[in-house]
Amino acid sequence: MSTHISNERPAPDQVLIDIADYALNYEIESELAYSTAQHCLIDTLGCGLEALEYPACTKLLGPIVPETFVPNGARVPGTSYQLDPVQAAFNIGAMIRWLDFNDTWLAAEWGHPSDNLGGILATADWLARTAIAESRRPMTMRRVLTAMIKAHEIQGCIALENSFNKVGLDHVVLVKVASTAVVSQLLGLSRDQTIAALSLAWVDGQSLRTYRHAPNTGSRKSWAAGDATSRAVRLALMAKSGEMGYPSVLSAKTWGFYDVSFKGQEFHFQRPYGSYVMENVLFKISYPAEFHAQTAVEAAMALRVKLARLGKTAEDILSLTIRTHEACLRIIDKKGPLANPADRDHCVQYMVAIPLLFGRLTAADYEDWIASDPRIDALRAKMECVEVPAFTRDYHDPDKRSIANALRIELNDGTVLEETVEYPIGHRRRRDEGLPLLIEKFKTNLRRSFTEERQKEILHASLDREGLESMPVNEYVDLYAL
């Protein structure tokens, strides 16, 4: 006995329509969103420049065919590469994400919305250079900032109420979808073409979280977003050429995303798309650490000062309790051997041990030559993580969005020291305190790659909002070229 399935083409899923209409038509009016996007731009590019010091990253960069140079192609900041927009998006996206130091969004799903800059900047730069070659006016950086705000919003609003990690999918699916939407707008796709492109992004095979969790944690987590944002550029270009879409890609019975990959659940939304996410995004300013550990690291740094005042060191610690929120326990509570830097920067115990022992936490501290110090694992063995329900509630509260951690140390002599940090320095509630430090972080990263004169040029172009917004994309990107 067979069941008849209608072959009538359905209307597009409302989720696709809402994303497309927002990407194509919504006018961003928030001054705070644009100001934050400006700071997000420089921080994200700075993170990419720092990643260029790591061979594990640079070995993946460049053209697929060695020495290929694409006329009017997109340039990759900090390098001499000029590539097609798909490969350039991968390069830029991988650089941005490599050291886990760019911005963060925490909700039912977490992620790093600035990952989308890979596809945005590569596409905008390519379009700007192509326009100049054809004697047309190039796209300006205002369009890039607008696309950033919209990509942040799409990724972040879907993440607010929908947990992809709980069904085993990696958050980079949202990078792919958000990048597809805003790249479609940059490319001038019609509404129908944009909906088709979005459907292609959802129907794609999605990354598993295997590479983010023990016992398989590995370096793919550092290039997965680059892969997602470059895939978005590819799919948008295919839709622009007339490739068909799949209108009920989410809701189709048995074969749609909801039934196949989301346990039959439909997406839920807390708020309509606007500019909320960019306005409230979290910056990683002080430490290249998975964001759920940022306040734990800050607390550990404060406790090290308290230990020094008592004439004590980390070796005087008898036990250490990390009181935290549920997401921290689920993602970065690890015991036992840590196999590589990707494993270590997703272990809260490791990220607490380093500042207690050395008074710092840098990207280099995840490398083997630091991790081989036996004192680190000895201190990790003394740690226990426990959930504080109130911390978990405040983590999900849209008016608080805290990421609290509290450390309690008991010393061998019975002395007890405690430190609690609710909001990291990159939180909106600490934005005034954090922005000067974010600019200093950018300056430090510029010094890694450029002469003093070039540093001044980039800073002048980047920090003057009015000048930045009116600057052609290709001219701004050229400032970062070698």
Protein backbone atom coordinates (compact mmCIF):
# COMPACT_ATOMS: atom_id res chain seq x y z
CA MET A 1 0.00 0.00 0.00
CA SER A 2 1.46 3.37 -0.97
CA THR A 3 0.85 6.87 0.39
CA HIS A 4 0.35 9.58 -2.20
CA ILE A 5 2.77 12.51 -1.93
CA SER A 6 1.71 15.71 -3.67
CA ASN A 7 4.09 16.92 -6.35
CA GLU A 8 2.72 20.46 -6.13
CA ARG A 9 5.52 22.92 -5.44
CA PRO A 10 4.89 24.52 -2.00
CA ALA A 11 5.34 28.14 -1.04
CA PRO A 12 8.72 28.90 0.56
CA ASP A 13 9.08 28.30 4.27
CA GLN A 14 8.34 31.46 6.24
CA VAL A 15 11.79 31.31 7.84
CA LEU A 16 13.37 31.70 4.40
CA ILE A 17 11.06 34.57 3.50
CA ASP A 18 11.76 36.44 6.73
CA ILE A 19 15.52 36.15 6.34
CA ALA A 20 15.44 37.21 2.68
CA ASP A 21 13.15 40.19 3.28
CA TYR A 22 15.32 41.37 6.16
CA ALA A 23 18.57 40.99 4.23
CA LEU A 24 17.25 42.73 1.12
CA ASN A 25 15.00 45.44 2.51
CA TYR A 26 15.54 46.28 6.18
CA GLU A 27 17.06 49.71 6.86
CA ILE A 28 19.51 49.80 9.77
CA GLU A 29 18.97 53.03 11.70
CA SER A 30 20.83 52.25 14.93
CA GLU A 31 23.87 54.44 15.53
CA LEU A 32 25.01 52.01 18.23
CA ALA A 33 24.89 49.13 15.74
CA TYR A 34 27.09 50.98 13.24
CA SER A 35 29.52 52.12 15.92
CA THR A 36 29.80 48.59 17.25
CA ALA A 37 30.20 47.21 13.72
CA GLN A 38 33.12 49.60 13.19
CA HIS A 39 34.85 48.23 16.27
CA CYS A 40 33.91 44.70 15.30
CA LEU A 41 35.53 45.19 11.90
CA ILE A 42 38.91 46.22 13.28
CA ASP A 43 38.88 43.60 16.01
CA THR A 44 38.03 40.83 13.56
CA LEU A 45 40.73 41.81 11.08
CA GLY A 46 43.23 42.13 13.93
CA CYS A 47 42.46 38.58 15.04
CA GLY A 48 43.18 37.44 11.49
CA LEU A 49 46.54 39.22 11.47
CA GLU A 50 47.57 37.54 14.71
CA ALA A 51 46.65 34.13 13.27
CA LEU A 52 49.18 34.64 10.47
CA GLU A 53 51.93 33.97 13.02
CA TYR A 54 50.81 30.33 13.27
CA PRO A 55 51.96 27.89 10.56
CA ALA A 56 49.01 25.59 11.31
CA CYS A 57 46.82 28.39 9.96
CA THR A 58 48.97 29.73 7.12
CA LYS A 59 49.46 26.29 5.59
CA LEU A 60 45.76 26.33 4.67
CA LEU A 61 45.80 29.76 3.03
CA GLY A 62 46.35 30.90 -0.51
CA PRO A 63 44.94 29.71 -3.84
CA ILE A 64 43.95 26.10 -4.39
CA VAL A 65 46.32 25.95 -7.35
CA PRO A 66 49.66 27.41 -6.17
CA GLU A 67 50.65 30.84 -7.52
CA THR A 68 47.23 31.49 -9.01
CA PHE A 69 46.47 35.22 -9.14
CA VAL A 70 42.93 36.38 -9.97
CA PRO A 71 42.67 39.74 -11.76
CA ASN A 72 40.13 41.92 -9.91
CA GLY A 73 39.97 39.19 -7.26
CA ALA A 74 39.58 39.74 -3.53
CA ARG A 75 42.71 40.41 -1.49
CA VAL A 76 43.44 38.52 1.70
CA PRO A 77 44.51 40.96 4.45
CA GLY A 78 48.04 40.54 5.74
CA THR A 79 49.11 38.49 2.70
CA SER A 80 49.95 38.95 -0.97
CA TYR A 81 47.10 36.69 -2.11
CA GLN A 82 44.45 37.92 -4.56
CA LEU A 83 41.87 35.19 -5.06
CA ASP A 84 38.43 34.38 -6.37
CA PRO A 85 35.77 35.39 -3.81
CA VAL A 86 34.98 31.82 -2.72
CA GLN A 87 38.58 30.94 -1.87
CA ALA A 88 39.24 34.41 -0.46
CA ALA A 89 36.26 33.97 1.86
CA PHE A 90 37.76 30.72 3.15
CA ASN A 91 41.13 32.38 3.70
CA ILE A 92 39.74 35.38 5.55
CA GLY A 93 37.27 33.25 7.53
CA ALA A 94 39.95 30.79 8.64
CA MET A 95 42.27 33.60 9.75
CA ILE A 96 39.55 35.35 11.69
CA ARG A 97 38.54 32.25 13.61
CA TRP A 98 41.88 30.53 14.08
CA LEU A 99 42.79 31.73 17.57
CA ASP A 100 39.27 31.83 19.06
CA PHE A 101 39.74 35.54 19.75
CA ASN A 102 36.96 37.20 17.72
CA ASP A 103 33.51 38.22 18.93
CA THR A 104 30.96 35.86 20.45
CA TRP A 105 27.20 35.40 20.79
CA LEU A 106 25.81 33.23 23.57
CA ALA A 107 22.24 31.94 23.72
CA ALA A 108 20.53 28.58 23.21
CA GLU A 109 23.16 28.28 20.47
CA TRP A 110 26.51 30.03 20.59
CA GLY A 111 28.82 31.17 17.88
CA HIS A 112 30.96 33.98 16.51
CA PRO A 113 29.01 36.29 14.19
CA SER A 114 32.11 38.08 12.91
CA ASP A 115 32.98 34.79 11.18
CA ASN A 116 30.66 36.09 8.46
CA LEU A 117 33.16 38.82 7.57
CA GLY A 118 35.06 36.25 5.50
CA GLY A 119 32.28 36.05 2.92
CA ILE A 120 31.23 39.69 3.26
CA LEU A 121 34.66 41.26 2.78
CA ALA A 122 35.76 38.88 0.01
CA THR A 123 32.57 39.49 -1.97
CA ALA A 124 32.54 43.24 -1.43
CA ASP A 125 36.23 43.60 -2.36
CA TRP A 126 35.82 41.51 -5.52
CA LEU A 127 32.75 43.51 -6.54
CA ALA A 128 34.55 46.81 -5.87
CA ARG A 129 37.58 45.83 -7.99
CA THR A 130 35.33 44.53 -10.75
CA ALA A 131 33.36 47.80 -10.74
CA ILE A 132 36.55 49.85 -11.11
CA ALA A 133 37.70 47.63 -13.98
CA GLU A 134 34.38 48.36 -15.68
CA SER A 135 34.55 52.11 -14.97
CA ARG A 136 31.77 51.98 -12.38
CA ARG A 137 31.73 53.36 -8.83
CA PRO A 138 32.98 50.80 -6.31
CA MET A 139 31.09 49.64 -3.25
CA THR A 140 31.95 51.51 -0.03
CA MET A 141 32.68 50.24 3.46
CA ARG A 142 29.24 51.43 4.59
CA ARG A 143 27.84 48.44 2.70
CA VAL A 144 30.27 46.15 4.51
CA LEU A 145 29.24 47.48 7.93
CA THR A 146 25.55 47.10 7.03
CA ALA A 147 26.12 43.52 5.88
CA MET A 148 27.96 42.79 9.12
CA ILE A 149 25.07 44.09 11.21
CA LYS A 150 22.58 42.00 9.24
CA ALA A 151 24.71 38.84 9.34
CA HIS A 152 25.13 39.22 13.10
CA GLU A 153 21.37 39.66 13.44
CA ILE A 154 20.40 36.64 11.35
CA GLN A 155 22.87 34.31 13.04
CA GLY A 156 22.17 35.65 16.52
CA CYS A 157 18.36 35.77 16.37
CA ILE A 158 18.12 32.18 15.16
CA ALA A 159 20.55 31.20 17.93
CA LEU A 160 18.49 32.81 20.69
CA GLU A 161 15.92 30.03 20.93
CA ASN A 162 17.30 27.17 18.82
CA SER A 163 20.08 24.87 20.00
CA PHE A 164 21.91 23.16 17.16
CA ASN A 165 24.58 21.73 19.46
CA LYS A 166 21.96 19.69 21.29
CA VAL A 167 21.21 17.78 18.08
CA GLY A 168 24.93 17.38 17.32
CA LEU A 169 25.24 20.11 14.68
CA ASP A 170 27.92 22.78 14.75
CA HIS A 171 26.98 26.44 14.99
CA VAL A 172 28.71 27.20 11.68
CA VAL A 173 25.46 26.22 9.95
CA LEU A 174 24.28 29.67 11.04
CA VAL A 175 27.37 31.30 9.57
CA LYS A 176 26.55 29.64 6.26
CA VAL A 177 22.93 30.82 6.35
CA ALA A 178 23.69 34.38 7.51
CA SER A 179 26.54 34.80 5.02
CA THR A 180 24.36 33.47 2.21
CA ALA A 181 21.68 36.05 2.98
CA VAL A 182 23.91 39.11 3.10
CA VAL A 183 26.18 38.02 0.24
CA SER A 184 23.03 37.56 -1.86
CA GLN A 185 22.16 41.19 -1.13
CA LEU A 186 25.68 42.39 -2.01
CA LEU A 187 25.53 40.46 -5.28
CA GLY A 188 22.19 42.01 -6.21
CA LEU A 189 20.11 38.83 -6.16
CA SER A 190 16.35 39.14 -6.47
CA ARG A 191 14.04 38.07 -3.66
CA ASP A 192 13.32 34.73 -5.32
CA GLN A 193 17.02 34.12 -5.97
CA THR A 194 17.87 34.97 -2.36
CA ILE A 195 15.25 32.53 -1.07
CA ALA A 196 16.68 29.89 -3.41
CA ALA A 197 20.20 30.56 -2.12
CA LEU A 198 19.04 30.27 1.48
CA SER A 199 17.33 26.98 0.72
CA LEU A 200 20.59 25.69 -0.76
CA ALA A 201 22.38 26.63 2.47
CA TRP A 202 19.88 24.73 4.61
CA VAL A 203 19.75 21.67 2.33
CA ASP A 204 23.55 21.38 2.40
CA GLY A 205 25.14 18.75 4.59
CA GLN A 206 25.86 20.46 7.92
CA SER A 207 28.99 20.13 10.03
CA LEU A 208 28.89 17.85 13.05
CA ARG A 209 30.33 19.11 16.33
CA THR A 210 32.70 16.14 16.44
CA TYR A 211 35.77 18.33 16.12
CA ARG A 212 34.82 20.51 19.09
CA HIS A 213 34.49 17.77 21.69
CA ALA A 214 36.63 15.14 23.38
CA PRO A 215 37.96 12.73 22.30
CA ASN A 216 38.12 14.22 18.78
CA THR A 217 38.81 17.91 19.43
CA GLY A 218 40.93 19.25 16.61
CA SER A 219 41.94 22.12 14.36
CA ARG A 220 38.90 21.89 12.08
CA LYS A 221 37.10 24.01 14.66
CA SER A 222 39.46 26.81 13.63
CA TRP A 223 38.62 26.67 9.91
CA ALA A 224 35.04 25.39 9.97
CA ALA A 225 33.58 28.91 9.88
CA GLY A 226 35.86 29.83 6.99
CA ASP A 227 34.52 26.82 5.15
CA ALA A 228 30.93 27.85 5.96
CA THR A 229 31.24 31.47 4.86
CA SER A 230 33.04 30.48 1.65
CA ARG A 231 30.34 27.92 0.91
CA ALA A 232 27.79 30.70 1.32
CA VAL A 233 29.51 32.77 -1.38
CA ARG A 234 29.50 29.75 -3.69
CA LEU A 235 25.80 29.05 -3.14
CA ALA A 236 24.81 32.69 -3.62
CA LEU A 237 26.72 32.80 -6.90
CA MET A 238 24.96 29.61 -8.03
CA ALA A 239 21.56 31.11 -7.21
CA LYS A 240 22.52 34.28 -9.09
CA SER A 241 23.20 32.14 -12.16
CA GLY A 242 19.66 30.76 -11.96
CA GLU A 243 20.15 27.57 -9.94
CA MET A 244 16.84 26.43 -8.50
CA GLY A 245 15.93 26.35 -4.81
CA TYR A 246 13.93 24.04 -2.54
CA PRO A 247 11.09 26.03 -0.98
CA SER A 248 10.11 23.66 1.84
CA VAL A 249 13.70 22.72 2.69
CA LEU A 250 12.98 23.14 6.40
CA SER A 251 9.42 21.84 6.74
CA ALA A 252 9.17 19.05 4.15
CA LYS A 253 7.87 15.90 5.80
CA THR A 254 10.59 13.23 6.26
CA TRP A 255 13.11 14.92 3.92
CA GLY A 256 13.28 18.45 5.34
CA PHE A 257 15.79 19.91 7.79
CA TYR A 258 13.41 19.79 10.74
CA ASP A 259 12.73 16.05 10.42
CA VAL A 260 16.20 15.00 9.32
CA SER A 261 18.42 17.19 11.50
CA PHE A 262 16.34 18.90 14.19
CA LYS A 263 14.39 16.06 15.78
CA GLY A 264 11.15 17.19 14.17
CA GLN A 265 11.19 20.57 15.91
CA GLU A 266 10.46 23.82 14.13
CA PHE A 267 12.53 26.91 14.80
CA HIS A 268 11.32 29.34 17.45
CA PHE A 269 12.07 33.05 17.53
CA GLN A 270 12.33 35.42 20.47
CA ARG A 271 12.32 38.65 18.46
CA PRO A 272 12.08 39.95 14.88
CA TYR A 273 15.26 40.84 12.99
CA GLY A 274 16.60 44.32 13.70
CA SER A 275 20.00 45.31 15.10
CA TYR A 276 19.85 43.75 18.59
CA VAL A 277 22.69 41.28 18.11
CA MET A 278 25.37 43.70 16.95
CA GLU A 279 24.37 46.10 19.71
CA ASN A 280 24.83 43.38 22.33
CA VAL A 281 27.64 41.27 20.85
CA LEU A 282 30.44 40.13 23.16
CA PHE A 283 34.02 41.08 22.35
CA LYS A 284 36.97 38.95 23.37
CA ILE A 285 39.38 41.61 24.48
CA SER A 286 41.75 40.31 27.11
CA TYR A 287 42.10 36.59 26.49
CA PRO A 288 42.01 34.18 23.51
CA ALA A 289 39.74 31.83 25.44
CA GLU A 290 36.44 30.11 24.68
CA PHE A 291 33.92 32.70 25.84
CA HIS A 292 32.30 30.67 28.57
CA ALA A 293 35.68 30.79 30.34
CA GLN A 294 36.39 34.52 29.92
CA THR A 295 35.15 35.47 33.39
CA ALA A 296 36.87 32.43 34.91
CA VAL A 297 40.19 33.60 33.48
CA GLU A 298 39.58 37.13 34.75
CA ALA A 299 38.79 35.72 38.20
CA ALA A 300 41.94 33.58 38.11
CA MET A 301 44.06 36.63 37.31
CA ALA A 302 42.57 38.44 40.32
CA LEU A 303 43.18 35.42 42.56
CA ARG A 304 46.82 35.28 41.50
CA VAL A 305 47.22 38.83 42.82
CA LYS A 306 45.58 37.81 46.10
CA LEU A 307 47.91 34.82 46.38
CA ALA A 308 50.94 37.03 45.83
CA ARG A 309 49.81 39.38 48.61
CA LEU A 310 49.79 36.40 50.96
CA GLY A 311 53.22 35.28 49.78
CA LYS A 312 51.63 32.22 48.18
CA THR A 313 51.70 30.67 44.70
CA ALA A 314 49.55 28.23 42.74
CA GLU A 315 51.57 25.39 44.25
CA ASP A 316 50.02 26.23 47.65
CA ILE A 317 46.51 25.40 46.36
CA LEU A 318 44.86 22.35 47.91
CA SER A 319 41.64 22.49 45.88
CA LEU A 320 39.83 24.80 43.48
CA THR A 321 36.11 24.88 42.71
CA ILE A 322 34.84 26.53 39.54
CA ARG A 323 31.21 27.53 40.11
CA THR A 324 29.72 28.12 36.69
CA HIS A 325 26.77 27.93 34.28
CA GLU A 326 25.48 24.88 32.45
CA ALA A 327 26.88 25.79 29.03
CA CYS A 328 30.40 25.95 30.44
CA LEU A 329 30.02 22.47 31.90
CA ARG A 330 28.68 21.07 28.64
CA ILE A 331 31.37 22.53 26.38
CA ILE A 332 34.67 23.06 28.22
CA ASP A 333 34.69 21.01 31.44
CA LYS A 334 37.44 18.51 30.68
CA LYS A 335 39.55 16.09 32.65
CA GLY A 336 42.41 13.91 31.44
CA PRO A 337 44.93 14.41 28.63
CA LEU A 338 44.61 17.36 26.24
CA ALA A 339 45.90 16.40 22.81
CA ASN A 340 46.52 19.72 21.03
CA PRO A 341 45.97 23.51 21.20
CA ALA A 342 42.38 23.12 19.99
CA ASP A 343 41.75 20.77 22.91
CA ARG A 344 43.35 23.11 25.44
CA ASP A 345 41.55 26.30 24.44
CA HIS A 346 38.29 24.44 25.09
CA CYS A 347 39.21 23.30 28.60
CA VAL A 348 38.18 25.66 31.39
CA GLN A 349 40.54 24.01 33.86
CA TYR A 350 43.51 24.63 31.56
CA MET A 351 42.44 28.23 30.99
CA VAL A 352 42.25 28.80 34.76
CA ALA A 353 45.54 27.05 35.49
CA ILE A 354 47.66 29.15 33.12
CA PRO A 355 46.91 32.56 34.71
CA LEU A 356 47.26 31.13 38.22
CA LEU A 357 50.69 29.76 37.33
CA PHE A 358 52.03 32.40 34.95
CA GLY A 359 49.88 35.51 35.35
CA ARG A 360 48.77 35.55 31.69
CA LEU A 361 46.81 33.73 29.01
CA THR A 362 47.95 34.20 25.41
CA ALA A 363 47.47 32.20 22.22
CA ALA A 364 50.98 30.80 22.63
CA ASP A 365 50.01 29.28 25.99
CA TYR A 366 48.05 26.57 24.20
CA GLU A 367 51.11 25.30 22.36
CA ASP A 368 52.91 22.07 23.30
CA TRP A 369 55.98 23.77 24.73
CA ILE A 370 53.85 25.44 27.43
CA ALA A 371 51.40 22.55 27.92
CA SER A 372 54.26 20.17 28.72
CA ASP A 373 54.86 21.94 32.06
CA PRO A 374 53.79 19.29 34.63
CA ARG A 375 52.46 21.93 37.03
CA ILE A 376 49.53 22.61 34.70
CA ASP A 377 48.04 19.14 34.83
CA ALA A 378 48.84 18.88 38.53
CA LEU A 379 46.76 22.00 39.16
CA ARG A 380 43.98 20.85 36.81
CA ALA A 381 43.68 17.67 38.86
CA LYS A 382 42.77 19.76 41.92
CA MET A 383 39.81 21.44 40.16
CA GLU A 384 36.11 20.66 40.20
CA CYS A 385 33.35 22.33 38.15
CA VAL A 386 29.83 22.69 39.55
CA GLU A 387 26.75 24.38 38.15
CA VAL A 388 25.12 27.36 39.87
CA PRO A 389 21.48 27.43 38.66
CA ALA A 390 21.27 31.19 39.11
CA PHE A 391 24.28 31.63 36.79
CA THR A 392 22.52 29.50 34.17
CA ARG A 393 19.31 31.53 34.46
CA ASP A 394 21.14 34.83 34.10
CA TYR A 395 23.04 33.45 31.10
CA HIS A 396 19.73 33.03 29.25
CA ASP A 397 18.06 36.21 30.58
CA PRO A 398 17.88 38.62 27.58
CA ASP A 399 18.21 41.62 29.91
CA LYS A 400 21.35 40.28 31.60
CA ARG A 401 23.11 37.82 29.27
CA SER A 402 25.76 37.28 31.92
CA ILE A 403 28.52 34.68 31.63
CA ALA A 404 29.34 34.31 35.31
CA ASN A 405 32.08 32.24 36.91
CA ALA A 406 33.12 32.10 40.55
CA LEU A 407 36.39 30.54 41.71
CA ARG A 408 36.94 29.27 45.24
CA ILE A 409 40.45 28.31 46.28
CA GLU A 410 41.37 26.46 49.45
CA LEU A 411 45.05 26.61 50.34
CA ASN A 412 47.07 23.95 52.14
CA ASP A 413 46.98 26.06 55.33
CA GLY A 414 43.17 26.27 55.28
CA THR A 415 42.94 29.79 53.87
CA VAL A 416 40.01 30.30 51.47
CA LEU A 417 40.07 32.82 48.62
CA GLU A 418 37.13 33.60 46.34
CA GLU A 419 36.52 35.71 43.25
CA THR A 420 33.34 36.12 41.16
CA VAL A 421 33.06 37.83 37.78
CA GLU A 422 29.59 38.06 36.20
CA TYR A 423 30.26 40.04 33.03
CA PRO A 424 33.46 39.84 30.97
CA ILE A 425 35.17 43.01 29.89
CA GLY A 426 33.86 42.60 26.35
CA HIS A 427 30.22 42.63 27.51
CA ARG A 428 27.93 45.52 26.62
CA ARG A 429 27.63 46.36 30.33
CA ARG A 430 31.40 46.98 30.35
CA ARG A 431 31.65 48.49 26.86
CA ASP A 432 33.07 51.86 27.97
CA GLU A 433 35.78 50.04 29.87
CA GLY A 434 36.44 47.61 27.06
CA LEU A 435 36.58 49.71 23.88
CA PRO A 436 39.90 51.47 24.63
CA LEU A 437 41.41 48.06 25.32
CA LEU A 438 39.91 46.67 22.11
CA ILE A 439 41.63 49.45 20.14
CA GLU A 440 44.92 48.65 21.90
CA LYS A 441 44.44 45.01 20.94
CA PHE A 442 44.03 46.13 17.31
CA LYS A 443 47.18 48.25 17.48
CA THR A 444 49.13 45.29 18.85
CA ASN A 445 47.96 43.13 15.97
CA LEU A 446 48.84 45.78 13.38
CA ARG A 447 52.39 45.87 14.73
CA ARG A 448 52.76 42.20 13.87
CA SER A 449 52.49 42.81 10.13
CA PHE A 450 53.02 46.43 9.13
CA THR A 451 55.45 49.31 9.22
CA GLU A 452 54.78 52.21 11.56
CA GLU A 453 53.65 54.37 8.65
CA ARG A 454 51.17 51.73 7.43
CA GLN A 455 49.86 51.25 10.96
CA LYS A 456 49.04 54.97 11.11
CA GLU A 457 47.25 54.81 7.75
CA ILE A 458 45.12 51.84 8.84
CA LEU A 459 44.27 53.40 12.21
CA HIS A 460 43.28 56.69 10.62
CA ALA A 461 41.07 54.95 8.07
CA SER A 462 39.54 52.58 10.62
CA LEU A 463 38.76 54.91 13.52
CA ASP A 464 37.25 57.78 11.53
CA ARG A 465 33.68 56.51 11.14
CA GLU A 466 32.62 58.99 8.48
CA GLY A 467 35.77 58.45 6.46
CA LEU A 468 35.56 54.67 6.83
CA GLU A 469 31.97 54.48 5.64
CA SER A 470 32.65 56.51 2.50
CA MET A 471 35.88 54.67 1.61
CA PRO A 472 35.79 52.24 -1.33
CA VAL A 473 36.13 48.68 -0.13
CA ASN A 474 39.13 47.92 -2.30
CA GLU A 475 41.03 50.96 -0.96
CA TYR A 476 40.43 49.90 2.63
CA VAL A 477 41.46 46.28 1.95
CA ASP A 478 44.56 47.48 0.08
CA LEU A 479 45.80 49.04 3.32
CA TYR A 480 46.19 45.50 4.71
CA ALA A 481 47.98 44.06 1.67
CA LEU A 482 51.63 43.03 1.70
